[in-house]
Amino acid sequence: MAGKKKEILSWALLFFAVFTLFASCNKTEDNNKEDEQKNGIILGFSQIGAESAWRKCNTRSIKAAAAESGVQLLFSNAEQKQNNQIKAIRSFIAYQVDVIAFVPIVADGWDNVLREARDAGIPVLITDRKITTNDETLYAGFIGTDSEQEGREAGKFLVQKFKNSDASRTDPVRIIEISGTEGSSPAKGRAAGFREIIDECPEYKIIYSESGDFLRSKGNEIMRWILASEYKDFDVVFSHNDGMTLGILDVMNERGLNPGKDIVIITIDAEQAAIDALGRGAVNCVIECNPKFGPTIMTLAKKLAKGEEIPRLMHVHEEVFTEDNNVESIPPRGY
């Protein structure tokens, strides 16, 4: 009988130990979840669309960085419409997110909705494209590319290219500019930076400029029109992004033109397709516009959620690739 009691007691002790272990594990798991909910933040992000490989890469960078850093991301695709972005920002305010970040499709028209965010106590981070406002307190800071410097780099390459290749030239260098979305900060900045350089050299002349809206199809369409117009004789194409450039090259190849040799091609973004075109001699200069700043956005969002200040202006690192580079040494772009 004593042996039977000992056996029952042993089983009871074993059951108690197992129960305690499971209870402890469940409690630890619950505590971890509570800590995660307590320390995590909610970021509302409005992207302008998916108009190019660059934009898709930018979106992937943001989503991956949010997942890796434990940030809950509410993501909205505006499909190239400012009204959709404003609606998204208002929905983020209603949801009471910790931080709002967005890529403004155009520079103007944000003050009202940003005042609503400020009144709700939600800090706002501007990314990729800048805004124009008389009240700088409406947003905490900007992280993105330096569009004016990208334009300057395009101008510097062009001036050096013709200085080296044809010192005896007397005719003006005729330039076609295919610009980005009208009213967007990249289009304004790239145009301004480019002109800052070439305006110092009277032999360089922009004979035609039109917005291609950063779309490959529009680049294609505009170049078809130019080749049938009074502007068909030109020496240079300065395109504000690779998508439009690829559309331009499609038309030139169809027409038997010789881009990169008879016509100088300068483009901005550094998508893999543009680097490949540089490698085969169809493009002369590719200026990087770095889309991979998702991790920095998450770092800044966490600081803002804690009430910390961030820099008002942050530019990501960018490079310039030219026909003089060993293209094979350029790391794969991933977009």
Protein backbone atom coordinates (compact mmCIF):
# COMPACT_ATOMS: atom_id res chain seq x y z
CA MET A 1 0.00 0.00 0.00
CA ALA A 2 2.88 2.33 0.83
CA GLY A 3 4.39 1.58 -2.61
CA LYS A 4 1.11 2.52 -4.28
CA LYS A 5 1.01 5.87 -2.45
CA LYS A 6 4.56 6.62 -3.53
CA GLU A 7 3.66 5.89 -7.14
CA ILE A 8 0.63 8.21 -7.00
CA LEU A 9 2.74 10.92 -5.38
CA SER A 10 5.40 10.60 -8.08
CA TRP A 11 2.83 10.94 -10.85
CA ALA A 12 1.31 13.98 -9.10
CA LEU A 13 4.70 15.65 -8.82
CA LEU A 14 5.43 14.93 -12.49
CA PHE A 15 2.08 16.38 -13.56
CA PHE A 16 2.68 19.48 -11.45
CA ALA A 17 6.14 19.98 -12.96
CA VAL A 18 4.81 19.65 -16.52
CA PHE A 19 1.90 21.97 -15.78
CA THR A 20 4.25 24.55 -14.26
CA LEU A 21 6.54 24.34 -17.27
CA PHE A 22 3.69 24.89 -19.75
CA ALA A 23 2.27 27.71 -17.66
CA SER A 24 5.68 29.34 -17.52
CA CYS A 25 6.12 29.03 -21.31
CA ASN A 26 2.67 30.47 -21.98
CA LYS A 27 3.33 33.33 -19.59
CA THR A 28 6.66 34.08 -21.27
CA GLU A 29 5.00 33.99 -24.69
CA ASP A 30 2.24 36.33 -23.50
CA ASN A 31 4.83 38.71 -22.02
CA ASN A 32 6.76 38.71 -25.30
CA LYS A 33 3.60 39.55 -27.21
CA GLU A 34 2.78 42.34 -24.76
CA ASP A 35 6.32 43.73 -25.06
CA GLU A 36 6.12 43.55 -28.85
CA GLN A 37 2.80 45.39 -28.87
CA LYS A 38 4.11 47.90 -26.35
CA ASN A 39 7.39 48.62 -28.17
CA GLY A 40 6.17 48.28 -31.78
CA ILE A 41 4.81 51.20 -33.76
CA ILE A 42 2.26 51.61 -36.53
CA LEU A 43 3.43 53.45 -39.65
CA GLY A 44 0.99 54.64 -42.27
CA PHE A 45 2.74 54.89 -45.64
CA SER A 46 1.32 56.30 -48.88
CA GLN A 47 3.23 55.36 -52.04
CA ILE A 48 2.48 57.15 -55.32
CA GLY A 49 2.16 53.99 -57.42
CA ALA A 50 4.13 51.32 -59.28
CA GLU A 51 5.04 53.20 -62.44
CA SER A 52 8.57 51.90 -62.81
CA ALA A 53 11.08 49.28 -61.69
CA TRP A 54 12.59 51.98 -59.46
CA ARG A 55 9.28 52.59 -57.69
CA LYS A 56 8.63 48.88 -57.21
CA CYS A 57 12.10 48.50 -55.69
CA ASN A 58 11.44 51.44 -53.38
CA THR A 59 8.21 49.77 -52.21
CA ARG A 60 9.96 46.43 -51.64
CA SER A 61 12.63 48.17 -49.58
CA ILE A 62 10.00 49.81 -47.38
CA LYS A 63 7.96 46.65 -46.83
CA ALA A 64 11.00 44.49 -46.12
CA ALA A 65 12.45 47.03 -43.68
CA ALA A 66 9.14 47.28 -41.81
CA ALA A 67 8.93 43.50 -41.42
CA GLU A 68 12.55 43.24 -40.26
CA SER A 69 12.27 46.08 -37.74
CA GLY A 70 8.95 45.04 -36.20
CA VAL A 71 7.04 48.04 -37.53
CA GLN A 72 3.37 47.45 -38.37
CA LEU A 73 2.94 48.93 -41.85
CA LEU A 74 -0.34 50.26 -43.23
CA PHE A 75 0.52 50.62 -46.92
CA SER A 76 -1.51 52.50 -49.52
CA ASN A 77 -0.91 52.75 -53.29
CA ALA A 78 -2.19 56.08 -54.60
CA GLU A 79 -2.10 55.00 -58.26
CA GLN A 80 -0.60 58.35 -59.34
CA LYS A 81 -3.44 60.44 -57.88
CA GLN A 82 -2.93 63.11 -55.23
CA ASN A 83 -6.54 62.81 -54.06
CA ASN A 84 -5.93 59.14 -53.26
CA GLN A 85 -2.92 60.10 -51.18
CA ILE A 86 -4.86 62.71 -49.24
CA LYS A 87 -7.61 60.15 -48.54
CA ALA A 88 -5.00 57.64 -47.38
CA ILE A 89 -3.40 60.15 -45.01
CA ARG A 90 -6.81 60.98 -43.54
CA SER A 91 -7.48 57.27 -43.04
CA PHE A 92 -4.15 56.95 -41.21
CA ILE A 93 -5.18 59.84 -38.96
CA ALA A 94 -8.53 58.16 -38.22
CA TYR A 95 -6.71 54.90 -37.44
CA GLN A 96 -4.46 56.83 -35.04
CA VAL A 97 -1.17 55.51 -36.41
CA ASP A 98 2.03 56.53 -34.61
CA VAL A 99 3.74 58.04 -37.67
CA ILE A 100 2.74 58.94 -41.22
CA ALA A 101 5.19 58.82 -44.13
CA PHE A 102 4.45 59.42 -47.79
CA VAL A 103 5.94 60.09 -51.21
CA PRO A 104 4.21 63.27 -52.48
CA ILE A 105 3.29 62.86 -56.13
CA VAL A 106 3.48 66.66 -56.57
CA ALA A 107 5.03 69.36 -54.41
CA ASP A 108 1.99 71.54 -53.71
CA GLY A 109 -1.40 71.06 -52.06
CA TRP A 110 -0.56 69.28 -48.79
CA ASP A 111 -0.99 71.93 -46.11
CA ASN A 112 -4.60 71.16 -45.11
CA VAL A 113 -4.18 67.44 -44.59
CA LEU A 114 -0.83 67.90 -42.86
CA ARG A 115 -2.46 70.35 -40.42
CA GLU A 116 -4.99 67.62 -39.65
CA ALA A 117 -2.15 65.22 -38.88
CA ARG A 118 -0.44 67.80 -36.66
CA ASP A 119 -3.70 68.51 -34.81
CA ALA A 120 -4.00 64.76 -34.18
CA GLY A 121 -0.48 64.69 -32.76
CA ILE A 122 0.90 62.44 -35.52
CA PRO A 123 4.37 63.30 -36.88
CA VAL A 124 4.85 63.20 -40.66
CA LEU A 125 7.93 62.11 -42.59
CA ILE A 126 8.30 63.15 -46.25
CA THR A 127 10.15 60.62 -48.41
CA ASP A 128 11.67 60.56 -51.91
CA ARG A 129 9.96 63.72 -53.22
CA LYS A 130 9.82 67.09 -51.47
CA ILE A 131 6.85 69.35 -50.81
CA THR A 132 6.37 73.11 -51.02
CA THR A 133 4.85 74.78 -47.96
CA ASN A 134 5.05 78.06 -46.07
CA ASP A 135 4.78 76.20 -42.76
CA GLU A 136 7.80 73.96 -42.28
CA THR A 137 6.42 72.72 -38.94
CA LEU A 138 3.84 70.61 -40.79
CA TYR A 139 6.35 67.81 -41.26
CA ALA A 140 9.24 66.49 -39.19
CA GLY A 141 11.82 65.88 -41.92
CA PHE A 142 12.68 64.59 -45.37
CA ILE A 143 14.61 61.49 -46.45
CA GLY A 144 15.33 60.84 -50.12
CA THR A 145 17.43 61.66 -53.14
CA ASP A 146 19.04 64.96 -54.12
CA SER A 147 17.27 65.79 -57.39
CA GLU A 148 19.14 69.03 -58.02
CA GLN A 149 22.50 67.29 -57.65
CA GLU A 150 21.32 64.56 -60.03
CA GLY A 151 20.61 67.29 -62.59
CA ARG A 152 24.00 68.89 -61.97
CA GLU A 153 25.74 65.55 -62.54
CA ALA A 154 23.92 65.21 -65.86
CA GLY A 155 25.07 68.70 -66.89
CA LYS A 156 28.66 68.07 -65.79
CA PHE A 157 28.88 64.87 -67.80
CA LEU A 158 27.45 66.55 -70.89
CA VAL A 159 29.85 69.51 -70.78
CA GLN A 160 32.85 67.23 -70.29
CA LYS A 161 31.67 64.84 -73.01
CA PHE A 162 31.57 67.49 -75.74
CA LYS A 163 34.67 69.24 -74.45
CA ASN A 164 36.61 66.00 -74.90
CA SER A 165 35.04 64.75 -78.12
CA ASP A 166 34.82 67.78 -80.43
CA ALA A 167 36.73 70.88 -79.39
CA SER A 168 36.39 72.38 -82.91
CA ARG A 169 32.59 72.27 -82.97
CA THR A 170 30.95 75.62 -83.80
CA ASP A 171 27.25 74.66 -83.92
CA PRO A 172 25.26 74.67 -80.66
CA VAL A 173 24.77 71.37 -78.87
CA ARG A 174 21.03 70.71 -79.32
CA ILE A 175 19.36 69.05 -76.33
CA ILE A 176 16.02 67.29 -75.98
CA GLU A 177 14.81 67.10 -72.37
CA ILE A 178 12.17 64.56 -71.38
CA SER A 179 11.21 65.62 -67.88
CA GLY A 180 9.31 63.89 -65.09
CA THR A 181 5.84 64.49 -63.69
CA GLU A 182 4.93 68.17 -63.84
CA GLY A 183 4.94 69.76 -60.40
CA SER A 184 6.96 66.95 -58.81
CA SER A 185 10.12 67.83 -56.90
CA PRO A 186 12.35 65.42 -58.89
CA ALA A 187 11.28 67.01 -62.18
CA LYS A 188 11.83 70.51 -60.81
CA GLY A 189 15.12 69.65 -59.14
CA ARG A 190 16.64 67.73 -62.06
CA ALA A 191 15.70 70.46 -64.51
CA ALA A 192 17.08 73.20 -62.25
CA GLY A 193 20.35 71.38 -61.52
CA PHE A 194 20.92 70.59 -65.20
CA ARG A 195 20.32 74.21 -66.25
CA GLU A 196 22.56 75.49 -63.48
CA ILE A 197 25.47 73.80 -65.25
CA ILE A 198 24.68 74.29 -68.93
CA ASP A 199 23.55 77.91 -68.55
CA GLU A 200 27.20 78.75 -67.95
CA CYS A 201 27.96 77.45 -71.46
CA PRO A 202 26.04 79.30 -74.21
CA GLU A 203 26.87 76.60 -76.78
CA TYR A 204 24.41 74.21 -75.07
CA LYS A 205 20.79 74.77 -76.00
CA ILE A 206 17.62 72.93 -74.91
CA ILE A 207 15.58 73.00 -78.11
CA TYR A 208 12.61 71.06 -76.74
CA SER A 209 11.38 69.94 -73.30
CA GLU A 210 8.27 67.95 -72.43
CA SER A 211 7.00 65.95 -69.45
CA GLY A 212 6.93 62.19 -69.94
CA ASP A 213 5.41 61.67 -66.49
CA PHE A 214 8.19 59.18 -65.61
CA LEU A 215 6.45 56.58 -67.83
CA ARG A 216 8.12 54.38 -70.46
CA SER A 217 5.07 54.63 -72.71
CA LYS A 218 5.19 58.43 -72.62
CA GLY A 219 8.92 58.48 -73.41
CA ASN A 220 8.17 56.30 -76.42
CA GLU A 221 5.26 58.48 -77.52
CA ILE A 222 7.16 61.77 -77.18
CA MET A 223 10.19 60.53 -79.10
CA ARG A 224 7.97 59.35 -81.97
CA TRP A 225 6.48 62.83 -82.15
CA ILE A 226 9.88 64.56 -81.97
CA LEU A 227 11.30 62.49 -84.84
CA ALA A 228 8.40 63.64 -87.01
CA SER A 229 8.67 67.29 -85.94
CA GLU A 230 10.88 70.32 -86.54
CA TYR A 231 13.00 69.21 -83.55
CA LYS A 232 14.14 65.95 -85.14
CA ASP A 233 17.76 67.11 -85.50
CA PHE A 234 19.32 66.93 -82.04
CA ASP A 235 22.55 65.84 -80.38
CA VAL A 236 21.54 64.93 -76.83
CA VAL A 237 18.64 63.41 -74.92
CA PHE A 238 18.48 64.19 -71.21
CA SER A 239 15.80 61.93 -69.74
CA HIS A 240 14.67 62.35 -66.13
CA ASN A 241 14.30 58.61 -65.55
CA ASP A 242 15.25 55.22 -66.97
CA GLY A 243 11.68 54.19 -67.74
CA MET A 244 11.24 57.03 -70.22
CA THR A 245 14.76 56.43 -71.55
CA LEU A 246 13.97 52.80 -72.35
CA GLY A 247 10.88 53.93 -74.28
CA ILE A 248 13.04 56.45 -76.17
CA LEU A 249 15.61 53.78 -77.05
CA ASP A 250 12.86 51.51 -78.38
CA VAL A 251 11.87 54.18 -80.90
CA MET A 252 15.43 55.03 -81.88
CA ASN A 253 16.24 51.38 -82.50
CA GLU A 254 13.13 51.01 -84.65
CA ARG A 255 14.16 54.02 -86.73
CA GLY A 256 17.73 52.82 -87.24
CA LEU A 257 19.27 55.60 -85.15
CA ASN A 258 22.45 55.07 -83.17
CA PRO A 259 21.86 56.11 -79.53
CA GLY A 260 24.95 56.36 -77.40
CA LYS A 261 27.13 57.09 -80.45
CA ASP A 262 25.44 59.55 -82.81
CA ILE A 263 23.14 60.81 -80.04
CA VAL A 264 24.30 61.25 -76.44
CA ILE A 265 21.88 59.67 -73.95
CA ILE A 266 21.86 60.75 -70.29
CA THR A 267 19.42 59.12 -67.89
CA ILE A 268 18.63 59.03 -64.17
CA ASP A 269 17.72 56.13 -61.82
CA ALA A 270 20.25 53.33 -62.55
CA GLU A 271 17.80 50.49 -63.07
CA GLN A 272 19.49 47.30 -64.25
CA ALA A 273 18.07 47.78 -67.75
CA ALA A 274 19.77 51.18 -67.97
CA ILE A 275 23.08 49.79 -66.72
CA ASP A 276 22.79 47.05 -69.36
CA ALA A 277 22.18 49.72 -72.02
CA LEU A 278 25.26 51.55 -70.76
CA GLY A 279 27.24 48.34 -71.11
CA ARG A 280 26.27 47.85 -74.75
CA GLY A 281 26.95 51.50 -75.60
CA ALA A 282 23.35 52.65 -76.11
CA VAL A 283 23.53 55.03 -73.11
CA ASN A 284 26.41 57.34 -72.21
CA CYS A 285 25.69 58.30 -68.60
CA VAL A 286 23.48 56.82 -65.88
CA ILE A 287 23.00 58.82 -62.69
CA GLU A 288 21.90 56.79 -59.70
CA CYS A 289 18.70 57.61 -57.86
CA ASN A 290 18.89 55.23 -54.90
CA PRO A 291 15.51 53.64 -54.01
CA LYS A 292 16.71 51.46 -51.13
CA PHE A 293 16.16 53.65 -48.10
CA GLY A 294 13.43 51.61 -46.35
CA PRO A 295 15.66 50.84 -43.32
CA THR A 296 16.38 54.54 -42.79
CA ILE A 297 12.66 55.33 -42.95
CA MET A 298 12.00 52.79 -40.19
CA THR A 299 14.78 54.20 -38.01
CA LEU A 300 13.42 57.71 -38.40
CA ALA A 301 9.82 56.57 -37.79
CA LYS A 302 10.81 54.91 -34.51
CA LYS A 303 12.52 58.09 -33.35
CA LEU A 304 9.49 60.19 -34.23
CA ALA A 305 7.19 57.79 -32.38
CA LYS A 306 9.31 58.33 -29.25
CA GLY A 307 9.00 62.10 -29.62
CA GLU A 308 12.62 62.52 -30.70
CA GLU A 309 13.77 65.05 -33.26
CA ILE A 310 15.21 63.95 -36.60
CA PRO A 311 17.29 65.82 -39.21
CA ARG A 312 15.22 68.14 -41.36
CA LEU A 313 16.96 66.98 -44.53
CA MET A 314 18.65 63.66 -45.30
CA HIS A 315 19.93 62.62 -48.73
CA VAL A 316 20.81 59.03 -49.59
CA HIS A 317 24.14 58.11 -51.19
CA GLU A 318 24.15 58.06 -55.00
CA GLU A 319 26.73 57.40 -57.71
CA VAL A 320 27.30 58.31 -61.36
CA PHE A 321 28.07 55.63 -63.97
CA THR A 322 29.47 56.60 -67.37
CA GLU A 323 30.71 55.03 -70.56
CA ASP A 324 34.20 55.19 -69.04
CA ASN A 325 33.23 52.76 -66.26
CA ASN A 326 33.83 49.02 -66.33
CA VAL A 327 30.15 48.09 -66.34
CA GLU A 328 30.90 44.54 -65.24
CA SER A 329 32.21 45.93 -61.95
CA ILE A 330 28.88 47.61 -61.13
CA PRO A 331 26.98 45.46 -58.60
CA PRO A 332 23.62 44.05 -59.79
CA ARG A 333 20.90 46.61 -59.17
CA GLY A 334 18.08 44.29 -58.14
CA TYR A 335 15.52 46.38 -60.03
